[in-house]
C-alpha atoms as a PDB file:
ATOM      1  CA  MET A   1     117.247 112.073 170.936  1.00  0.00           C
ATOM      2  CA  MET A   2     115.389 114.792 169.103  1.00  0.00           C
ATOM      3  CA  LYS A   3     116.377 118.308 168.542  1.00  0.00           C
ATOM      4  CA  LEU A   4     114.460 121.678 167.337  1.00  0.00           C
ATOM      5  CA  VAL A   5     116.328 122.707 164.152  1.00  0.00           C
ATOM      6  CA  SER A   6     114.039 125.662 163.371  1.00  0.00           C
ATOM      7  CA  VAL A   7     111.337 127.686 164.588  1.00  0.00           C
ATOM      8  CA  ASN A   8     109.160 129.011 161.948  1.00  0.00           C
ATOM      9  CA  THR A   9     106.412 131.523 162.281  1.00  0.00           C
ATOM     10  CA  GLY A  10     104.119 133.515 159.454  1.00  0.00           C
ATOM     11  CA  LEU A  11     101.370 135.825 159.229  1.00  0.00           C
ATOM     12  CA  PRO A  12      98.239 135.482 157.000  1.00  0.00           C
ATOM     13  CA  ARG A  13      98.819 136.922 153.365  1.00  0.00           C
ATOM     14  CA  GLU A  14      96.593 137.050 150.359  1.00  0.00           C
ATOM     15  CA  VAL A  15      97.914 135.060 147.205  1.00  0.00           C
ATOM     16  CA  SER A  16      96.048 134.341 143.942  1.00  0.00           C
ATOM     17  CA  TRP A  17      95.325 130.748 143.305  1.00  0.00           C
ATOM     18  CA  HIS A  18      93.079 128.917 140.808  1.00  0.00           C
ATOM     19  CA  SER A  19      90.492 126.392 141.946  1.00  0.00           C
ATOM     20  CA  PRO A  20      92.024 123.246 141.370  1.00  0.00           C
ATOM     21  CA  SER A  21      89.942 120.441 140.046  1.00  0.00           C
ATOM     22  CA  SER A  22      92.236 117.403 140.862  1.00  0.00           C
ATOM     23  CA  GLU A  23      92.554 117.815 144.819  1.00  0.00           C
ATOM     24  CA  LEU A  24      91.536 115.189 147.129  1.00  0.00           C
ATOM     25  CA  ARG A  25      88.004 115.781 148.287  1.00  0.00           C
ATOM     26  CA  ARG A  26      87.105 112.944 150.632  1.00  0.00           C
ATOM     27  CA  ALA A  27      85.094 113.602 153.534  1.00  0.00           C
ATOM     28  CA  GLY A  28      87.126 113.508 156.963  1.00  0.00           C
ATOM     29  CA  PRO A  29      87.398 115.034 160.153  1.00  0.00           C
ATOM     30  CA  PRO A  30      86.600 118.214 160.713  1.00  0.00           C
ATOM     31  CA  GLY A  31      89.689 120.557 160.352  1.00  0.00           C
ATOM     32  CA  ARG A  32      90.456 120.002 156.852  1.00  0.00           C
ATOM     33  CA  ALA A  33      90.104 122.766 154.468  1.00  0.00           C
ATOM     34  CA  GLY A  34      88.828 121.770 151.142  1.00  0.00           C
ATOM     35  CA  PRO A  35      89.735 123.781 147.791  1.00  0.00           C
ATOM     36  CA  PRO A  36      87.781 126.863 146.609  1.00  0.00           C
ATOM     37  CA  ARG A  37      84.667 125.759 144.914  1.00  0.00           C
ATOM     38  CA  ARG A  38      84.117 128.169 142.456  1.00  0.00           C
ATOM     39  CA  ALA A  39      85.462 127.854 139.122  1.00  0.00           C
ATOM     40  CA  GLY A  40      88.705 130.111 138.150  1.00  0.00           C
ATOM     41  CA  GLY A  41      91.183 132.084 140.216  1.00  0.00           C
ATOM     42  CA  ARG A  42      90.546 133.628 143.184  1.00  0.00           C
ATOM     43  CA  ILE A  43      92.400 135.500 146.254  1.00  0.00           C
ATOM     44  CA  VAL A  44      93.205 133.286 149.044  1.00  0.00           C
ATOM     45  CA  THR A  45      94.289 134.397 152.465  1.00  0.00           C
ATOM     46  CA  THR A  46      96.759 131.869 153.940  1.00  0.00           C
ATOM     47  CA  ALA A  47      99.436 131.656 156.771  1.00  0.00           C
ATOM     48  CA  ILE A  48     101.377 128.596 155.176  1.00  0.00           C
ATOM     49  CA  PHE A  49     104.206 130.711 154.339  1.00  0.00           C
ATOM     50  CA  LYS A  50     106.510 130.482 157.197  1.00  0.00           C
ATOM     51  CA  GLU A  51     110.026 131.676 157.965  1.00  0.00           C
ATOM     52  CA  PRO A  52     112.800 130.823 160.152  1.00  0.00           C
ATOM     53  CA  VAL A  53     112.982 132.897 163.527  1.00  0.00           C
ATOM     54  CA  ALA A  54     116.261 133.700 165.403  1.00  0.00           C
ATOM     55  CA  GLY A  55     116.646 133.824 169.208  1.00  0.00           C
ATOM     56  CA  ARG A  56     114.019 132.891 171.717  1.00  0.00           C
ATOM     57  CA  VAL A  57     110.333 132.603 170.813  1.00  0.00           C
ATOM     58  CA  ALA A  58     107.530 132.556 173.294  1.00  0.00           C
ATOM     59  CA  LEU A  59     105.256 129.486 172.993  1.00  0.00           C
ATOM     60  CA  ARG A  60     101.704 130.135 174.128  1.00  0.00           C
ATOM     61  CA  LYS A  61      98.593 128.247 174.387  1.00  0.00           C
ATOM     62  CA  LEU A  62      97.490 128.676 170.879  1.00  0.00           C
ATOM     63  CA  ASN A  63     100.475 129.526 169.046  1.00  0.00           C
ATOM     64  CA  LEU A  64     104.084 130.919 168.671  1.00  0.00           C
ATOM     65  CA  ASP A  65     104.387 134.701 169.339  1.00  0.00           C
ATOM     66  CA  GLY A  66     104.593 136.072 165.632  1.00  0.00           C
ATOM     67  CA  ASP A  67     102.684 133.081 164.116  1.00  0.00           C
ATOM     68  CA  CYS A  68      98.852 133.131 163.169  1.00  0.00           C
ATOM     69  CA  GLN A  69      96.470 130.875 161.182  1.00  0.00           C
ATOM     70  CA  ALA A  70      94.173 132.421 158.607  1.00  0.00           C
ATOM     71  CA  ASP A  71      91.305 130.110 158.750  1.00  0.00           C
ATOM     72  CA  LEU A  72      90.557 129.360 162.292  1.00  0.00           C
ATOM     73  CA  THR A  73      87.626 127.057 161.455  1.00  0.00           C
ATOM     74  CA  VAL A  74      89.992 124.543 160.213  1.00  0.00           C
ATOM     75  CA  HIS A  75      93.504 125.445 161.426  1.00  0.00           C
ATOM     76  CA  GLY A  76      94.888 126.456 164.854  1.00  0.00           C
ATOM     77  CA  GLY A  77      93.128 126.031 168.184  1.00  0.00           C
ATOM     78  CA  GLU A  78      94.575 124.378 171.312  1.00  0.00           C
ATOM     79  CA  HIS A  79      94.840 120.747 169.658  1.00  0.00           C
ATOM     80  CA  LYS A  80      96.853 122.552 166.584  1.00  0.00           C
ATOM     81  CA  ALA A  81      98.908 125.116 168.494  1.00  0.00           C
ATOM     82  CA  VAL A  82     101.997 124.032 166.832  1.00  0.00           C
ATOM     83  CA  TYR A  83     102.893 121.891 163.627  1.00  0.00           C
ATOM     84  CA  CYS A  84     105.941 119.790 163.636  1.00  0.00           C
ATOM     85  CA  TYR A  85     107.851 118.389 160.738  1.00  0.00           C
ATOM     86  CA  PRO A  86     110.843 115.915 160.543  1.00  0.00           C
ATOM     87  CA  LEU A  87     113.834 117.496 158.773  1.00  0.00           C
ATOM     88  CA  ALA A  88     114.499 113.966 157.637  1.00  0.00           C
ATOM     89  CA  HIS A  89     111.540 114.193 154.917  1.00  0.00           C
ATOM     90  CA  TYR A  90     113.084 117.200 153.221  1.00  0.00           C
ATOM     91  CA  ALA A  91     115.532 114.895 151.768  1.00  0.00           C
ATOM     92  CA  TYR A  92     112.938 112.791 150.479  1.00  0.00           C
ATOM     93  CA  TRP A  93     110.926 115.281 149.104  1.00  0.00           C
ATOM     94  CA  LYS A  94     114.160 116.905 147.447  1.00  0.00           C
ATOM     95  CA  LYS A  95     114.767 113.617 145.576  1.00  0.00           C
ATOM     96  CA  GLU A  96     111.036 113.433 144.603  1.00  0.00           C
ATOM     97  CA  PHE A  97     111.180 116.921 142.897  1.00  0.00           C
ATOM     98  CA  ILE A  98     114.340 116.171 141.284  1.00  0.00           C
ATOM     99  CA  ALA A  99     112.839 112.994 139.764  1.00  0.00           C
ATOM    100  CA  GLN A 100     109.840 114.886 138.610  1.00  0.00           C
ATOM    101  CA  LYS A 101     111.879 117.501 136.764  1.00  0.00           C
ATOM    102  CA  THR A 102     113.696 114.657 135.105  1.00  0.00           C
ATOM    103  CA  ARG A 103     110.627 113.175 133.810  1.00  0.00           C
ATOM    104  CA  ASP A 104     108.654 116.334 133.017  1.00  0.00           C
ATOM    105  CA  GLY A 105     111.363 118.408 132.064  1.00  0.00           C
ATOM    106  CA  ALA A 106     109.832 121.282 133.881  1.00  0.00           C
ATOM    107  CA  GLU A 107     110.958 123.377 136.737  1.00  0.00           C
ATOM    108  CA  VAL A 108     109.349 122.279 140.191  1.00  0.00           C
ATOM    109  CA  PRO A 109     108.671 125.333 142.547  1.00  0.00           C
ATOM    110  CA  GLY A 110     110.158 125.101 145.967  1.00  0.00           C
ATOM    111  CA  ARG A 111     112.751 122.614 145.308  1.00  0.00           C
ATOM    112  CA  GLU A 112     115.325 124.125 147.258  1.00  0.00           C
ATOM    113  CA  LEU A 113     112.968 123.717 150.342  1.00  0.00           C
ATOM    114  CA  PRO A 114     113.994 126.414 152.871  1.00  0.00           C
ATOM    115  CA  MET A 115     112.760 125.575 156.612  1.00  0.00           C
ATOM    116  CA  GLY A 116     109.321 125.935 157.193  1.00  0.00           C
ATOM    117  CA  MET A 117     108.495 125.077 153.510  1.00  0.00           C
ATOM    118  CA  PHE A 118     105.851 122.875 154.679  1.00  0.00           C
ATOM    119  CA  GLY A 119     104.052 125.302 156.785  1.00  0.00           C
ATOM    120  CA  GLU A 120     105.430 123.710 159.861  1.00  0.00           C
ATOM    121  CA  ASN A 121     106.292 125.730 163.249  1.00  0.00           C
ATOM    122  CA  PHE A 122     109.136 123.506 164.331  1.00  0.00           C
ATOM    123  CA  THR A 123     111.590 121.801 162.210  1.00  0.00           C
ATOM    124  CA  ILE A 124     112.788 118.666 164.034  1.00  0.00           C
ATOM    125  CA  GLU A 125     115.569 116.164 163.997  1.00  0.00           C
ATOM    126  CA  GLY A 126     116.348 112.733 165.481  1.00  0.00           C
ATOM    127  CA  ASN A 127     114.431 109.915 166.620  1.00  0.00           C
ATOM    128  CA  ALA A 128     112.208 109.615 169.302  1.00  0.00           C
ATOM    129  CA  GLU A 129     112.660 107.330 172.480  1.00  0.00           C
ATOM    130  CA  GLY A 130     111.528 103.700 171.078  1.00  0.00           C
ATOM    131  CA  SER A 131     111.784 104.316 167.555  1.00  0.00           C
ATOM    132  CA  ALA A 132     111.377 101.213 165.469  1.00  0.00           C
ATOM    133  CA  GLU A 133     114.727 102.414 163.624  1.00  0.00           C
ATOM    134  CA  GLY A 134     117.181  99.668 163.921  1.00  0.00           C
ATOM    135  CA  SER A 135     114.669  97.264 164.979  1.00  0.00           C
ATOM    136  CA  ALA A 136     113.900  94.039 163.064  1.00  0.00           C
ATOM    137  CA  ASP A 137     110.944  95.680 161.383  1.00  0.00           C
ATOM    138  CA  ALA A 138     113.020  98.857 160.373  1.00  0.00           C
ATOM    139  CA  GLY A 139     113.731  97.533 157.025  1.00  0.00           C
ATOM    140  CA  LYS A 140     110.016  97.116 155.981  1.00  0.00           C
ATOM    141  CA  ASP A 141     108.165  99.699 153.726  1.00  0.00           C
ATOM    142  CA  ALA A 142     105.580 101.749 155.813  1.00  0.00           C
ATOM    143  CA  LEU A 143     102.068 100.881 155.099  1.00  0.00           C
ATOM    144  CA  LEU A 144      99.356 103.144 154.059  1.00  0.00           C
ATOM    145  CA  GLY A 145      95.847 102.148 152.956  1.00  0.00           C
ATOM    146  CA  GLY A 146      97.610  98.735 152.149  1.00  0.00           C
ATOM    147  CA  GLN A 147      99.977 100.140 150.074  1.00  0.00           C
ATOM    148  CA  ALA A 148     103.888 100.182 150.350  1.00  0.00           C
ATOM    149  CA  LEU A 149     105.258 103.487 150.568  1.00  0.00           C
ATOM    150  CA  PRO A 150     108.534 103.529 148.785  1.00  0.00           C
ATOM    151  CA  GLY A 151     111.600 104.634 150.940  1.00  0.00           C
ATOM    152  CA  GLY A 152     108.910 104.724 153.901  1.00  0.00           C
ATOM    153  CA  GLN A 153     111.128 103.110 156.696  1.00  0.00           C
ATOM    154  CA  GLY A 154     111.837 104.341 160.053  1.00  0.00           C
ATOM    155  CA  LEU A 155     109.566 107.333 159.836  1.00  0.00           C
ATOM    156  CA  LEU A 156     109.200 109.351 162.852  1.00  0.00           C
ATOM    157  CA  GLU A 157     105.330 109.425 162.666  1.00  0.00           C
ATOM    158  CA  ASP A 158     106.009 105.476 163.503  1.00  0.00           C
ATOM    159  CA  SER A 159     107.736 106.261 166.794  1.00  0.00           C
ATOM    160  CA  ILE A 160     105.674 109.398 167.891  1.00  0.00           C
ATOM    161  CA  HIS A 161     102.585 108.532 169.612  1.00  0.00           C
ATOM    162  CA  LEU A 162      99.258 110.217 170.433  1.00  0.00           C
ATOM    163  CA  GLY A 163      99.740 111.567 173.773  1.00  0.00           C
ATOM    164  CA  ASP A 164     103.335 111.606 173.956  1.00  0.00           C
ATOM    165  CA  ARG A 165     104.551 114.354 176.126  1.00  0.00           C
ATOM    166  CA  PHE A 166     107.754 116.548 175.189  1.00  0.00           C
ATOM    167  CA  SER A 167     109.784 119.202 176.951  1.00  0.00           C
ATOM    168  CA  ILE A 168     111.209 121.668 174.567  1.00  0.00           C
ATOM    169  CA  GLY A 169     113.106 124.612 176.162  1.00  0.00           C
ATOM    170  CA  THR A 170     111.034 125.918 179.189  1.00  0.00           C
ATOM    171  CA  ALA A 171     107.887 124.770 177.597  1.00  0.00           C
ATOM    172  CA  GLU A 172     105.974 121.253 177.366  1.00  0.00           C
ATOM    173  CA  VAL A 173     103.840 119.872 174.419  1.00  0.00           C
ATOM    174  CA  VAL A 174     101.777 117.021 173.961  1.00  0.00           C
ATOM    175  CA  VAL A 175     100.985 115.253 170.688  1.00  0.00           C
ATOM    176  CA  THR A 176      97.545 115.425 169.283  1.00  0.00           C
ATOM    177  CA  GLN A 177      97.107 114.328 165.808  1.00  0.00           C
ATOM    178  CA  PRO A 178      98.816 114.030 162.408  1.00  0.00           C
ATOM    179  CA  ARG A 179      98.502 116.822 159.810  1.00  0.00           C
ATOM    180  CA  LEU A 180      95.605 115.985 156.913  1.00  0.00           C
ATOM    181  CA  PRO A 181      96.854 118.643 154.242  1.00  0.00           C
ATOM    182  CA  CYS A 182      94.434 120.978 152.737  1.00  0.00           C
ATOM    183  CA  TYR A 183      94.481 122.673 149.272  1.00  0.00           C
ATOM    184  CA  LYS A 184      96.815 125.434 150.676  1.00  0.00           C
ATOM    185  CA  LEU A 185      99.719 123.076 150.643  1.00  0.00           C
ATOM    186  CA  GLY A 186      99.273 123.064 146.903  1.00  0.00           C
ATOM    187  CA  ILE A 187      99.448 126.625 146.967  1.00  0.00           C
ATOM    188  CA  ARG A 188     102.799 126.760 148.702  1.00  0.00           C
ATOM    189  CA  PHE A 189     104.377 124.216 146.307  1.00  0.00           C
ATOM    190  CA  GLY A 190     102.475 125.718 143.388  1.00  0.00           C
ATOM    191  CA  SER A 191     101.309 122.087 142.396  1.00  0.00           C
ATOM    192  CA  ASP A 192      97.605 120.742 142.342  1.00  0.00           C
ATOM    193  CA  ASP A 193      98.686 117.351 143.299  1.00  0.00           C
ATOM    194  CA  MET A 194     100.874 118.146 146.093  1.00  0.00           C
ATOM    195  CA  VAL A 195      98.102 117.191 148.644  1.00  0.00           C
ATOM    196  CA  LYS A 196      97.975 113.744 147.244  1.00  0.00           C
ATOM    197  CA  ARG A 197     101.443 113.059 147.273  1.00  0.00           C
ATOM    198  CA  PHE A 198     101.919 114.421 150.654  1.00  0.00           C
ATOM    199  CA  LEU A 199      99.158 112.305 152.155  1.00  0.00           C
ATOM    200  CA  ALA A 200     100.320 108.979 150.126  1.00  0.00           C
ATOM    201  CA  SER A 201     103.784 109.530 151.260  1.00  0.00           C
ATOM    202  CA  GLY A 202     102.798 109.064 154.987  1.00  0.00           C
ATOM    203  CA  ARG A 203     105.285 111.967 155.888  1.00  0.00           C
ATOM    204  CA  THR A 204     102.661 114.214 157.438  1.00  0.00           C
ATOM    205  CA  GLY A 205     104.442 115.491 160.565  1.00  0.00           C
ATOM    206  CA  PHE A 206     101.822 116.024 163.678  1.00  0.00           C
ATOM    207  CA  TYR A 207     100.419 118.580 165.518  1.00  0.00           C
ATOM    208  CA  VAL A 208     101.091 119.343 169.444  1.00  0.00           C
ATOM    209  CA  ALA A 209      98.812 121.006 172.249  1.00  0.00           C
ATOM    210  CA  VAL A 210     100.811 123.337 174.556  1.00  0.00           C
ATOM    211  CA  ALA A 211     100.706 121.701 178.069  1.00  0.00           C
ATOM    212  CA  ARG A 212     102.917 124.205 179.555  1.00  0.00           C
ATOM    213  CA  GLU A 213     103.655 127.805 178.087  1.00  0.00           C
ATOM    214  CA  GLY A 214     107.424 128.594 177.790  1.00  0.00           C
ATOM    215  CA  GLU A 215     110.192 129.582 175.426  1.00  0.00           C
ATOM    216  CA  VAL A 216     111.706 127.932 172.865  1.00  0.00           C
ATOM    217  CA  GLY A 217     114.373 128.214 170.041  1.00  0.00           C
ATOM    218  CA  ALA A 218     116.628 126.451 167.601  1.00  0.00           C
ATOM    219  CA  GLY A 219     118.972 123.812 168.956  1.00  0.00           C
ATOM    220  CA  ASP A 220     116.626 123.143 172.018  1.00  0.00           C
ATOM    221  CA  GLU A 221     116.678 119.367 172.917  1.00  0.00           C
ATOM    222  CA  ILE A 222     113.336 117.700 172.548  1.00  0.00           C
ATOM    223  CA  LYS A 223     112.819 115.221 175.532  1.00  0.00           C
ATOM    224  CA  LEU A 224     110.292 112.752 175.947  1.00  0.00           C
ATOM    225  CA  ILE A 225     108.725 113.103 179.652  1.00  0.00           C
ATOM    226  CA  ALA A 226     105.768 110.955 179.334  1.00  0.00           C
ATOM    227  CA  ARG A 227     104.185 108.322 177.018  1.00  0.00           C
ATOM    228  CA  GLU A 228     100.151 107.559 176.854  1.00  0.00           C
ATOM    229  CA  ALA A 229      99.201 104.114 177.556  1.00  0.00           C
ATOM    230  CA  ASN A 230      97.460 103.312 174.648  1.00  0.00           C
ATOM    231  CA  ALA A 231     100.525 104.327 172.526  1.00  0.00           C
ATOM    232  CA  VAL A 232      98.637 104.753 169.221  1.00  0.00           C
ATOM    233  CA  PRO A 233     101.578 105.880 166.649  1.00  0.00           C
ATOM    234  CA  VAL A 234     100.662 109.153 164.498  1.00  0.00           C
ATOM    235  CA  SER A 235     101.297 106.959 161.363  1.00  0.00           C
ATOM    236  CA  GLU A 236      98.472 104.581 162.566  1.00  0.00           C
ATOM    237  CA  ILE A 237      95.876 107.482 162.634  1.00  0.00           C
ATOM    238  CA  THR A 238      96.745 108.421 159.103  1.00  0.00           C
ATOM    239  CA  ARG A 239      96.646 104.852 157.900  1.00  0.00           C
ATOM    240  CA  LEU A 240      93.187 104.555 159.642  1.00  0.00           C
ATOM    241  CA  TYR A 241      92.050 107.746 157.802  1.00  0.00           C
ATOM    242  CA  VAL A 242      93.191 106.599 154.394  1.00  0.00           C
ATOM    243  CA  VAL A 243      92.235 102.865 154.525  1.00  0.00           C
ATOM    244  CA  LYS A 244      89.071 102.472 152.621  1.00  0.00           C
ATOM    245  CA  ARG A 245      87.846  99.401 154.573  1.00  0.00           C
ATOM    246  CA  TYR A 246      87.834  98.362 158.205  1.00  0.00           C
ATOM    247  CA  GLY A 247      88.765  94.611 158.893  1.00  0.00           C
ATOM    248  CA  GLU A 248      89.236  93.320 162.567  1.00  0.00           C
ATOM    249  CA  ALA A 249      92.815  94.927 162.840  1.00  0.00           C
ATOM    250  CA  GLU A 250      91.431  98.465 162.001  1.00  0.00           C
ATOM    251  CA  ILE A 251      88.767  98.230 164.202  1.00  0.00           C
ATOM    252  CA  ARG A 252      90.851  97.108 167.332  1.00  0.00           C
ATOM    253  CA  ALA A 253      93.274  99.931 166.449  1.00  0.00           C
ATOM    254  CA  VAL A 254      90.438 102.434 166.258  1.00  0.00           C
ATOM    255  CA  GLN A 255      88.915 101.222 169.661  1.00  0.00           C
ATOM    256  CA  ARG A 256      92.638 101.946 171.032  1.00  0.00           C
ATOM    257  CA  ALA A 257      92.671 105.408 169.558  1.00  0.00           C
ATOM    258  CA  LEU A 258      89.412 106.257 171.009  1.00  0.00           C
ATOM    259  CA  GLY A 259      90.862 105.712 174.369  1.00  0.00           C
ATOM    260  CA  VAL A 260      93.353 108.441 173.906  1.00  0.00           C
ATOM    261  CA  LYS A 261      92.182 111.499 175.593  1.00  0.00           C
ATOM    262  CA  GLU A 262      94.526 113.894 173.626  1.00  0.00           C
ATOM    263  CA  LEU A 263      92.972 112.661 170.467  1.00  0.00           C
ATOM    264  CA  PRO A 264      90.405 115.562 169.456  1.00  0.00           C
ATOM    265  CA  GLU A 265      86.647 114.881 169.548  1.00  0.00           C
ATOM    266  CA  SER A 266      86.483 115.805 165.843  1.00  0.00           C
ATOM    267  CA  TRP A 267      88.780 112.933 165.007  1.00  0.00           C
ATOM    268  CA  LYS A 268      86.796 110.664 167.611  1.00  0.00           C
ATOM    269  CA  GLU A 269      83.549 111.488 165.974  1.00  0.00           C
ATOM    270  CA  TYR A 270      84.892 110.502 162.598  1.00  0.00           C
ATOM    271  CA  PHE A 271      86.140 107.349 163.689  1.00  0.00           C
ATOM    272  CA  ARG A 272      83.035 106.237 165.369  1.00  0.00           C
ATOM    273  CA  GLU A 273      81.300 106.870 162.167  1.00  0.00           C
ATOM    274  CA  ARG A 274      83.632 104.401 160.410  1.00  0.00           C
ATOM    275  CA  LEU A 275      83.002 101.804 163.066  1.00  0.00           C
ATOM    276  CA  ARG A 276      79.307 102.468 162.562  1.00  0.00           C
ATOM    277  CA  GLN A 277      80.028 102.088 158.847  1.00  0.00           C
ATOM    278  CA  ALA A 278      81.731  99.026 159.549  1.00  0.00           C
ATOM    279  CA  GLY A 279      78.858  97.674 161.695  1.00  0.00           C
ATOM    280  CA  SER A 280      80.918  97.566 164.952  1.00  0.00           C
ATOM    281  CA  LEU A 281      79.353 100.394 166.857  1.00  0.00           C
END
C-alpha cells in the first residue's frame, strides 16, 4: 500500500546562482534544462522550492492549486503535472550528506531535508502492488548504466511502471516518466555535483499526468487501479538513458517502452535516435 505523506507546492522565485562548470551536460530528451552558459553568477528564476500544504488541495490538469513552474519549456505540461518522490529516499540522502560532512568536514546545506526538498509535489511512502521487495531479487543491488548502486535494493522506481494508473483522493493520475534532474536541483542543495549524484543514485522519483481532476491531501491512500500491458519500470527508463551502449537487452527494452502510449513523444524521439545509433532502426 502507498500513501501520500505530504503535498508540496511553490511559486517561482529569483535566486542568485553561479554557472557551474561541473554539471552534467549530456544531450537527452527535451525537457531537461542545462545550466546557464555564461560565466559568473546570475539571477535564476526557479520554482524548485516547495513547502508542505495543509488540508485538501485541488489537483488540476497542469498542476496543483498554488503550484507553478518557472520554465515551461522544460518543466510542467500535462506529462509533468505532478512530481512524486518516495519518502524512503530521504533516509538515503541524509546518510549520504552525513558521510560527505565526515569526509569534508564542511556543512552540507539541506541536510535536515524538509518535505519537498527535492522539488516534489507529492512525497509518498509504501510499496506499489507487485513490488520486488521481499522477492528473491530484492537483495540485489540496482543497476544503473551497468554499475551497482550502493543501497539500491527495492527502490520504488523498480515497481512503479510507465502507464500505471493510481487513484489519490478524488483524483486519478498516470505515470509518464522518470525525472531527469536539471541544474536547479543543484541550486536547491547549494551543490554543483548534486545533479550527477541524484541521477547516479537511481532515486529519481517520477512524474504523473492527471487523468481525472480532484482533491488530494496528506494521508490519502494511493491505490493502483490499472497497469499498462508493457509494464516498463520507471527505473528501466532511467537506465536506458544512462547506459552508453545498447546491446540486445537494451534494444528489446526500448522497443517495449516505445509501445507505452503514456511515454511522452520527446522520450520516444530520443529512444528512436538511440536505436538508429545502435543500427536497429
